[in-house]
Amino acid sequence: MKKVLFTIFISTLVFGFVLHDVAEAQRKRGQTTMKFLSAPLGARATGMGDALTSVEGGSQSIFYNPAGMAFQSSLVDVSFGNVSWIADIDYQYAAMSFAPKNGLYGVFGFSFMSVDYGDITETIRNTTERGYEVLGTYNPNAIALGLSYSRAISNQFSVGANVRYVDMNLANAPIGLSEGSLVRQNFDMQTYTVDFGVLFRTGFRSLNFAMSVRNYSNEVTYIQDTQELPLTFRIGLSMNVLDLTSLNPDMHKLLVSIDANRPRDYYEQLMVGAEYAFMDRLYLRTGYVFPTDEQGLSMGVGVNLPFASRYGIRADYSHTAFGVFSSVNRLSVQLSF
């Protein structure tokens, strides 16, 4: 009990410090770099309005709250997926969590994410009538590699953290001429980020409470311009509300999840999501985030196919409307064994 109370105390201090940092930084909204780190990824999460902070989710939790993978029941959980983002930007990601000895030593995780921004026309100024010359195309890209660890301090309380190496390569761009030849400079930046989270099973039915901090890092500098990363603080609640009824939980579940999101570079947001599960085989989801400028209602569907005694495969799909932009589609697959 003393260990749990001490851990809660330390976690509260950490979150208080980071929340103060976020509040101070919010005076500079819209001025962060490496925004891909805060992109919503998983089809299950985005089908629920990205409100997954307090939901226990195996390897998927690495991208939302690493404390959520502490109660993993399988030995290994693997997830991967694709996001067709706005403006033909593609995200690919994968994660794996490993719980040796039923989590006796904690749960270990690994994650990978890559971003392809597509081909962009490369130009340089000249004295022609158009005022520029097309040189070809270039392809900005980014990757993030992470190691994670989560531990259940008790059967109700867990903590977790990610450490990620991040690399963003904007371009090998021309910056001038030297003896008639183009002089190029590589605009490439690397840094490390830390995510931290806690999750608490309240003991009241299936009610969970959680907090997470994502993308805590030093500032990065591109030549002379120094920018911060998209630090984000979240608090979440979730519960199977059918626990309050007499319905058979093996047949029907209705998970309702709410996240309060405070990002460094945007106004505070509220994320609300729901997931209906029939026999833990078929899932229907919906969610909404507000306020947003263009993002609309999210909807999703999932299928879970368990086999043998402890093996399973789940496929999820989500669709999010984005107003004047094209809709965003996500597909995820999760394996447990």
Protein backbone atom coordinates (compact mmCIF):
# COMPACT_ATOMS: atom_id res chain seq x y z
CA MET A 1 0.00 0.00 0.00
CA LYS A 2 2.85 2.38 0.82
CA LYS A 3 4.39 1.66 -2.58
CA VAL A 4 1.11 2.52 -4.32
CA LEU A 5 0.69 5.78 -2.39
CA PHE A 6 4.29 6.79 -3.08
CA THR A 7 3.88 6.07 -6.79
CA ILE A 8 0.65 8.10 -6.93
CA PHE A 9 2.39 10.99 -5.14
CA ILE A 10 5.33 11.00 -7.57
CA SER A 11 2.99 10.71 -10.55
CA THR A 12 0.96 13.68 -9.31
CA LEU A 13 4.12 15.79 -9.02
CA VAL A 14 5.20 14.85 -12.55
CA PHE A 15 1.80 15.64 -14.05
CA GLY A 16 1.59 18.91 -12.12
CA PHE A 17 4.96 20.02 -13.45
CA VAL A 18 4.12 19.09 -17.04
CA LEU A 19 0.65 20.66 -16.89
CA HIS A 20 2.26 23.93 -15.77
CA ASP A 21 4.67 23.67 -18.70
CA VAL A 22 1.77 23.10 -21.13
CA ALA A 23 -0.18 26.05 -19.70
CA GLU A 24 2.81 28.37 -20.12
CA ALA A 25 3.50 27.15 -23.65
CA GLN A 26 -0.10 27.59 -24.84
CA ARG A 27 0.57 31.27 -25.40
CA LYS A 28 2.34 30.16 -28.61
CA ARG A 29 -0.43 28.15 -30.26
CA GLY A 30 0.21 26.63 -33.65
CA GLN A 31 3.99 26.90 -33.31
CA THR A 32 5.18 23.37 -32.72
CA THR A 33 7.17 21.08 -34.98
CA MET A 34 7.04 17.31 -35.58
CA LYS A 35 3.25 17.40 -35.44
CA PHE A 36 3.10 13.85 -36.77
CA LEU A 37 3.84 12.68 -33.21
CA SER A 38 0.36 13.71 -32.08
CA ALA A 39 -1.54 12.25 -35.05
CA PRO A 40 -4.38 9.86 -34.08
CA LEU A 41 -3.40 6.40 -35.33
CA GLY A 42 -5.35 3.33 -34.18
CA ALA A 43 -8.64 2.53 -35.87
CA ARG A 44 -10.23 1.49 -32.57
CA ALA A 45 -9.23 4.72 -30.83
CA THR A 46 -10.18 7.03 -33.67
CA GLY A 47 -13.50 5.27 -34.12
CA MET A 48 -14.15 6.39 -30.53
CA GLY A 49 -13.06 9.98 -31.06
CA ASP A 50 -9.48 9.17 -29.98
CA ALA A 51 -10.65 8.83 -26.36
CA LEU A 52 -8.47 5.89 -25.31
CA THR A 53 -6.38 7.25 -22.42
CA SER A 54 -8.14 5.19 -19.72
CA VAL A 55 -8.85 2.10 -21.84
CA GLU A 56 -6.67 -0.97 -21.35
CA GLY A 57 -5.49 -1.99 -24.79
CA GLY A 58 -2.29 -4.05 -25.05
CA SER A 59 0.25 -2.82 -27.61
CA GLN A 60 -2.17 -0.16 -28.92
CA SER A 61 -1.81 1.63 -25.58
CA ILE A 62 1.78 2.54 -26.42
CA PHE A 63 0.47 5.32 -28.67
CA TYR A 64 -2.03 6.69 -26.11
CA ASN A 65 -1.13 5.78 -22.54
CA PRO A 66 1.62 3.19 -21.95
CA ALA A 67 0.15 2.38 -18.52
CA GLY A 68 -2.78 0.76 -20.36
CA MET A 69 -0.72 -2.25 -21.43
CA ALA A 70 0.19 -3.23 -17.83
CA PHE A 71 -2.85 -5.50 -17.42
CA GLN A 72 -2.21 -7.39 -20.66
CA SER A 73 -3.50 -10.97 -20.36
CA SER A 74 -1.64 -12.49 -23.33
CA LEU A 75 2.07 -13.19 -23.53
CA VAL A 76 2.56 -11.16 -26.72
CA ASP A 77 0.36 -8.53 -28.32
CA VAL A 78 1.15 -7.14 -31.78
CA SER A 79 -0.65 -4.37 -33.64
CA PHE A 80 -0.05 -2.57 -36.90
CA GLY A 81 -1.97 -0.31 -39.22
CA ASN A 82 -2.21 2.34 -41.88
CA VAL A 83 -3.66 5.86 -41.86
CA SER A 84 -4.62 7.61 -45.10
CA TRP A 85 -4.32 11.17 -43.84
CA ILE A 86 -5.23 14.51 -45.41
CA ALA A 87 -3.31 15.70 -48.51
CA ASP A 88 -2.17 12.17 -49.45
CA ILE A 89 -0.02 11.82 -46.33
CA ASP A 90 0.39 8.20 -45.25
CA TYR A 91 1.18 6.88 -41.78
CA GLN A 92 2.44 3.35 -41.16
CA TYR A 93 2.84 2.06 -37.61
CA ALA A 94 3.45 -1.10 -35.63
CA ALA A 95 3.80 -1.98 -31.96
CA MET A 96 4.51 -5.06 -29.87
CA SER A 97 4.12 -5.65 -26.14
CA PHE A 98 5.56 -8.60 -24.23
CA ALA A 99 4.45 -9.71 -20.75
CA PRO A 100 6.79 -12.45 -19.44
CA LYS A 101 5.65 -14.51 -16.45
CA ASN A 102 2.12 -13.04 -16.71
CA GLY A 103 3.48 -9.55 -16.19
CA LEU A 104 5.50 -10.42 -13.07
CA TYR A 105 8.37 -8.27 -14.33
CA GLY A 106 6.14 -5.74 -16.05
CA VAL A 107 5.24 -5.41 -19.72
CA PHE A 108 7.85 -4.44 -22.30
CA GLY A 109 7.03 -2.77 -25.59
CA PHE A 110 8.46 -1.62 -28.90
CA SER A 111 6.89 0.76 -31.41
CA PHE A 112 7.59 2.10 -34.87
CA MET A 113 5.94 4.85 -36.89
CA SER A 114 6.78 6.30 -40.28
CA VAL A 115 5.26 9.16 -42.25
CA ASP A 116 5.37 9.64 -46.02
CA TYR A 117 4.40 13.17 -47.05
CA GLY A 118 4.33 12.31 -50.74
CA ASP A 119 6.18 13.96 -53.61
CA ILE A 120 6.41 17.76 -53.52
CA THR A 121 7.52 19.88 -56.47
CA GLU A 122 10.98 21.38 -55.94
CA THR A 123 11.64 24.83 -57.40
CA ILE A 124 14.29 27.52 -57.34
CA ARG A 125 14.01 31.21 -58.14
CA ASN A 126 15.44 32.51 -61.40
CA THR A 127 15.11 35.49 -63.75
CA THR A 128 12.71 33.93 -66.23
CA GLU A 129 9.21 35.23 -66.85
CA ARG A 130 7.77 32.72 -64.36
CA GLY A 131 10.36 33.69 -61.77
CA TYR A 132 11.21 30.12 -60.88
CA GLU A 133 12.47 26.86 -62.33
CA VAL A 134 11.20 23.36 -61.53
CA LEU A 135 14.03 21.09 -60.42
CA GLY A 136 12.00 17.94 -59.82
CA THR A 137 10.40 16.57 -56.67
CA TYR A 138 11.42 15.82 -53.10
CA ASN A 139 9.87 13.58 -50.47
CA PRO A 140 9.80 14.73 -46.81
CA ASN A 141 9.53 11.87 -44.33
CA ALA A 142 9.72 11.11 -40.64
CA ILE A 143 10.15 8.13 -38.33
CA ALA A 144 9.77 7.43 -34.61
CA LEU A 145 11.21 4.38 -32.82
CA GLY A 146 10.19 3.70 -29.23
CA LEU A 147 10.86 1.46 -26.25
CA SER A 148 8.16 1.11 -23.60
CA TYR A 149 7.73 -0.31 -20.14
CA SER A 150 4.62 -0.64 -18.00
CA ARG A 151 4.06 -2.15 -14.56
CA ALA A 152 1.00 -2.93 -12.48
CA ILE A 153 1.89 -1.68 -9.00
CA SER A 154 -1.26 -3.38 -7.70
CA ASN A 155 -4.31 -5.02 -9.28
CA GLN A 156 -5.80 -1.50 -9.55
CA PHE A 157 -2.94 0.87 -10.34
CA SER A 158 -0.38 0.88 -13.16
CA VAL A 159 2.30 3.17 -14.53
CA GLY A 160 4.04 3.21 -17.89
CA ALA A 161 6.49 5.17 -20.03
CA ASN A 162 7.81 5.39 -23.60
CA VAL A 163 11.15 6.72 -24.79
CA ARG A 164 11.21 7.47 -28.51
CA TYR A 165 13.90 8.42 -30.99
CA VAL A 166 12.45 10.80 -33.57
CA ASP A 167 13.88 11.82 -36.94
CA MET A 168 12.25 14.27 -39.34
CA ASN A 169 13.84 14.88 -42.75
CA LEU A 170 12.24 17.84 -44.50
CA ALA A 171 14.45 18.02 -47.59
CA ASN A 172 17.91 18.14 -49.10
CA ALA A 173 17.11 21.58 -50.44
CA PRO A 174 18.99 24.00 -52.72
CA ILE A 175 20.09 27.13 -50.88
CA GLY A 176 22.20 28.86 -53.53
CA LEU A 177 24.68 28.62 -56.39
CA SER A 178 28.44 28.09 -56.34
CA GLU A 179 30.36 28.24 -59.62
CA GLY A 180 27.18 27.49 -61.53
CA SER A 181 26.22 24.48 -59.43
CA LEU A 182 23.46 24.17 -56.88
CA VAL A 183 24.47 24.17 -53.23
CA ARG A 184 22.21 21.95 -51.13
CA GLN A 185 21.62 21.66 -47.41
CA ASN A 186 19.97 18.77 -45.60
CA PHE A 187 17.17 19.90 -43.27
CA ASP A 188 17.14 16.90 -40.97
CA MET A 189 16.48 16.93 -37.22
CA GLN A 190 16.60 14.25 -34.52
CA THR A 191 15.51 14.29 -30.90
CA TYR A 192 14.21 12.06 -28.09
CA THR A 193 10.76 12.24 -26.55
CA VAL A 194 9.27 10.79 -23.37
CA ASP A 195 5.67 9.70 -22.77
CA PHE A 196 4.39 8.90 -19.29
CA GLY A 197 1.06 7.62 -18.02
CA VAL A 198 -0.86 6.21 -15.06
CA LEU A 199 -4.06 4.19 -14.96
CA PHE A 200 -6.29 3.53 -11.97
CA ARG A 201 -9.05 0.94 -11.73
CA THR A 202 -11.33 2.70 -9.28
CA GLY A 203 -13.03 -0.45 -8.01
CA PHE A 204 -16.48 0.91 -8.88
CA ARG A 205 -17.67 -1.61 -11.46
CA SER A 206 -15.42 -1.17 -14.54
CA LEU A 207 -14.71 2.55 -14.06
CA ASN A 208 -11.14 3.52 -15.01
CA PHE A 209 -9.35 6.82 -14.49
CA ALA A 210 -6.09 7.71 -16.23
CA MET A 211 -3.65 10.50 -17.06
CA SER A 212 -0.95 10.72 -19.70
CA VAL A 213 1.75 13.06 -20.95
CA ARG A 214 2.96 12.68 -24.52
CA ASN A 215 5.90 14.14 -26.46
CA TYR A 216 7.87 15.65 -23.59
CA SER A 217 11.16 16.80 -25.10
CA ASN A 218 13.74 19.52 -25.44
CA GLU A 219 13.28 22.15 -28.12
CA VAL A 220 14.73 21.41 -31.55
CA THR A 221 16.55 23.86 -33.84
CA TYR A 222 16.48 24.03 -37.63
CA ILE A 223 19.53 26.19 -38.39
CA GLN A 224 18.40 29.26 -36.39
CA ASP A 225 14.69 28.63 -35.79
CA THR A 226 14.01 26.93 -32.45
CA GLN A 227 10.68 25.17 -31.98
CA GLU A 228 8.93 23.04 -29.37
CA LEU A 229 7.33 19.63 -29.85
CA PRO A 230 3.55 19.06 -29.50
CA LEU A 231 3.49 18.30 -25.77
CA THR A 232 0.05 17.02 -24.73
CA PHE A 233 -1.57 16.34 -21.36
CA ARG A 234 -4.69 14.16 -21.09
CA ILE A 235 -7.09 12.99 -18.40
CA GLY A 236 -9.56 10.21 -19.17
CA LEU A 237 -12.48 8.24 -17.75
CA SER A 238 -14.03 5.08 -19.18
CA MET A 239 -16.59 2.52 -18.11
CA ASN A 240 -18.80 -0.25 -19.45
CA VAL A 241 -22.06 1.49 -18.60
CA LEU A 242 -24.03 -1.76 -18.98
CA ASP A 243 -22.43 -2.80 -15.68
CA LEU A 244 -25.21 -0.70 -14.15
CA THR A 245 -27.83 -2.96 -15.70
CA SER A 246 -28.74 -6.63 -15.42
CA LEU A 247 -27.67 -7.45 -18.98
CA ASN A 248 -25.28 -10.37 -19.41
CA PRO A 249 -21.76 -8.81 -19.78
CA ASP A 250 -20.65 -11.79 -21.88
CA MET A 251 -23.25 -10.82 -24.47
CA HIS A 252 -23.37 -7.03 -24.42
CA LYS A 253 -20.95 -4.26 -23.45
CA LEU A 254 -21.15 -0.52 -24.01
CA LEU A 255 -17.85 1.16 -23.29
CA VAL A 256 -18.10 4.93 -22.90
CA SER A 257 -14.86 6.89 -22.79
CA ILE A 258 -14.19 10.60 -22.22
CA ASP A 259 -10.83 12.37 -22.55
CA ALA A 260 -9.98 15.95 -21.67
CA ASN A 261 -7.09 16.98 -23.91
CA ARG A 262 -4.75 19.92 -23.29
CA PRO A 263 -2.20 20.28 -26.11
CA ARG A 264 0.64 22.77 -26.18
CA ASP A 265 -0.31 24.29 -29.51
CA TYR A 266 -4.10 24.22 -29.56
CA TYR A 267 -7.10 25.00 -27.40
CA GLU A 268 -8.39 22.47 -24.89
CA GLN A 269 -10.52 19.69 -26.35
CA LEU A 270 -13.06 17.18 -25.11
CA MET A 271 -13.14 13.76 -26.75
CA VAL A 272 -16.14 11.50 -26.33
CA GLY A 273 -16.41 7.96 -27.67
CA ALA A 274 -18.52 4.83 -27.36
CA GLU A 275 -17.97 1.19 -28.31
CA TYR A 276 -20.71 -1.43 -28.36
CA ALA A 277 -19.48 -5.04 -28.21
CA PHE A 278 -21.61 -8.05 -29.03
CA MET A 279 -20.22 -11.25 -27.49
CA ASP A 280 -16.74 -9.68 -27.75
CA ARG A 281 -16.86 -10.55 -31.44
CA LEU A 282 -18.40 -7.58 -33.20
CA TYR A 283 -17.74 -3.92 -32.31
CA LEU A 284 -19.53 -0.76 -33.39
CA ARG A 285 -18.00 2.59 -32.51
CA THR A 286 -18.59 6.30 -32.74
CA GLY A 287 -16.90 9.38 -31.35
CA TYR A 288 -16.63 13.13 -31.55
CA VAL A 289 -13.98 15.73 -30.71
CA PHE A 290 -14.77 19.36 -29.92
CA PRO A 291 -13.94 22.07 -30.51
CA THR A 292 -12.32 21.44 -33.89
CA ASP A 293 -12.24 23.46 -37.09
CA GLU A 294 -13.08 20.75 -39.62
CA GLN A 295 -13.09 17.34 -37.95
CA GLY A 296 -16.53 15.79 -37.77
CA LEU A 297 -18.09 12.58 -36.49
CA SER A 298 -15.97 9.43 -36.36
CA MET A 299 -17.40 5.96 -36.88
CA GLY A 300 -15.82 2.54 -36.81
CA VAL A 301 -16.32 -1.19 -36.83
CA GLY A 302 -14.24 -4.10 -35.55
CA VAL A 303 -14.22 -7.89 -35.63
CA ASN A 304 -12.54 -10.11 -33.03
CA LEU A 305 -11.76 -13.74 -33.92
CA PRO A 306 -10.36 -15.66 -30.95
CA PHE A 307 -9.08 -19.17 -31.51
CA ALA A 308 -7.60 -21.91 -29.33
CA SER A 309 -7.54 -20.81 -25.69
CA ARG A 310 -5.43 -17.64 -25.68
CA TYR A 311 -4.93 -16.63 -29.30
CA GLY A 312 -6.82 -13.98 -31.17
CA ILE A 313 -6.90 -11.63 -34.12
CA ARG A 314 -8.84 -8.39 -34.36
CA ALA A 315 -9.35 -6.12 -37.36
CA ASP A 316 -10.64 -2.56 -36.97
CA TYR A 317 -11.65 0.16 -39.39
CA SER A 318 -12.57 3.79 -38.77
CA HIS A 319 -13.78 6.70 -40.87
CA THR A 320 -13.55 10.36 -39.84
CA ALA A 321 -15.12 13.26 -41.74
CA PHE A 322 -12.97 16.38 -42.17
CA GLY A 323 -15.21 19.03 -43.71
CA VAL A 324 -13.54 20.72 -46.69
CA PHE A 325 -10.74 18.17 -46.57
CA SER A 326 -11.01 14.56 -47.67
CA SER A 327 -12.20 12.02 -45.11
CA VAL A 328 -9.59 10.03 -43.19
CA ASN A 329 -9.66 6.23 -43.20
CA ARG A 330 -7.73 3.99 -40.84
CA LEU A 331 -7.20 0.24 -40.77
CA SER A 332 -5.64 -1.69 -37.87
CA VAL A 333 -4.90 -5.32 -37.10
CA GLN A 334 -4.12 -6.66 -33.62
CA LEU A 335 -2.78 -10.14 -32.80
CA SER A 336 -2.51 -11.72 -29.35
CA PHE A 337 -0.95 -15.02 -28.37
